[in-house]
Amino acid sequence: MSKKKQFVLRIDSEKYEALEKWAADEFRSVNGQLEWLIDKALKQAGRLRKTGNENSEQESI
């Protein structure tokens, strides 16, 4: 498992509330939802190397 890096994210309250609801709808934490969104965007843009450990079920969500 790769080491996780922490950083501060500033986001307006309206966007945070929308993100919080989306995360709850998919049974994720806000942090988990952000990680999922970033991972998905990086893969779609071809910016992330494939590791072979990808969960195809999560890809379809």
Protein backbone atom coordinates (compact mmCIF):
# COMPACT_ATOMS: atom_id res chain seq x y z
CA MET A 1 0.00 0.00 0.00
CA SER A 2 1.35 3.40 -0.90
CA LYS A 3 1.98 6.07 1.69
CA LYS A 4 -0.76 8.70 1.86
CA LYS A 5 0.10 12.38 1.79
CA GLN A 6 -1.95 14.89 3.74
CA PHE A 7 -2.76 18.37 2.48
CA VAL A 8 -5.17 21.20 3.18
CA LEU A 9 -8.05 21.81 0.79
CA ARG A 10 -10.09 24.98 0.84
CA ILE A 11 -13.53 24.67 -0.72
CA ASP A 12 -16.62 26.83 -0.43
CA SER A 13 -19.43 25.56 1.79
CA GLU A 14 -21.93 25.04 -1.05
CA LYS A 15 -19.55 22.71 -2.90
CA TYR A 16 -18.60 20.92 0.32
CA GLU A 17 -22.26 20.28 1.17
CA ALA A 18 -22.89 18.89 -2.32
CA LEU A 19 -19.81 16.68 -2.01
CA GLU A 20 -20.88 15.55 1.46
CA LYS A 21 -24.33 14.51 0.18
CA TRP A 22 -22.83 12.71 -2.82
CA ALA A 23 -20.43 10.84 -0.54
CA ALA A 24 -23.26 9.83 1.80
CA ASP A 25 -25.35 8.63 -1.15
CA GLU A 26 -22.50 6.29 -2.10
CA PHE A 27 -21.71 5.25 1.50
CA ARG A 28 -18.32 6.96 1.50
CA SER A 29 -16.70 9.58 3.67
CA VAL A 30 -16.00 12.96 2.09
CA ASN A 31 -12.31 12.06 2.06
CA GLY A 32 -13.06 8.71 0.40
CA GLN A 33 -15.25 10.42 -2.18
CA LEU A 34 -12.50 12.91 -3.01
CA GLU A 35 -9.94 10.11 -3.37
CA TRP A 36 -12.33 8.20 -5.66
CA LEU A 37 -13.01 11.29 -7.80
CA ILE A 38 -9.34 12.17 -8.12
CA ASP A 39 -8.40 8.57 -8.95
CA LYS A 40 -11.14 8.35 -11.59
CA ALA A 41 -10.14 11.68 -13.18
CA LEU A 42 -6.46 10.72 -13.27
CA LYS A 43 -7.24 7.38 -14.92
CA GLN A 44 -9.55 8.97 -17.49
CA ALA A 45 -6.88 11.53 -18.35
CA GLY A 46 -4.24 8.82 -18.69
CA ARG A 47 -2.20 10.40 -15.92
CA LEU A 48 -2.10 7.41 -13.57
CA ARG A 49 -0.13 4.24 -14.10
CA LYS A 50 -2.20 1.08 -13.87
CA THR A 51 -1.11 -1.06 -10.92
CA GLY A 52 -3.09 -4.22 -11.64
CA ASN A 53 -4.82 -3.94 -8.25
CA GLU A 54 -7.80 -2.01 -9.56
CA ASN A 55 -11.24 -3.03 -8.44
CA SER A 56 -13.44 -3.26 -11.53
CA GLU A 57 -16.57 -2.98 -9.38
CA GLN A 58 -15.55 0.48 -8.14
CA GLU A 59 -14.79 1.56 -11.70
CA SER A 60 -18.41 1.04 -12.70
CA ILE A 61 -19.82 3.19 -9.89
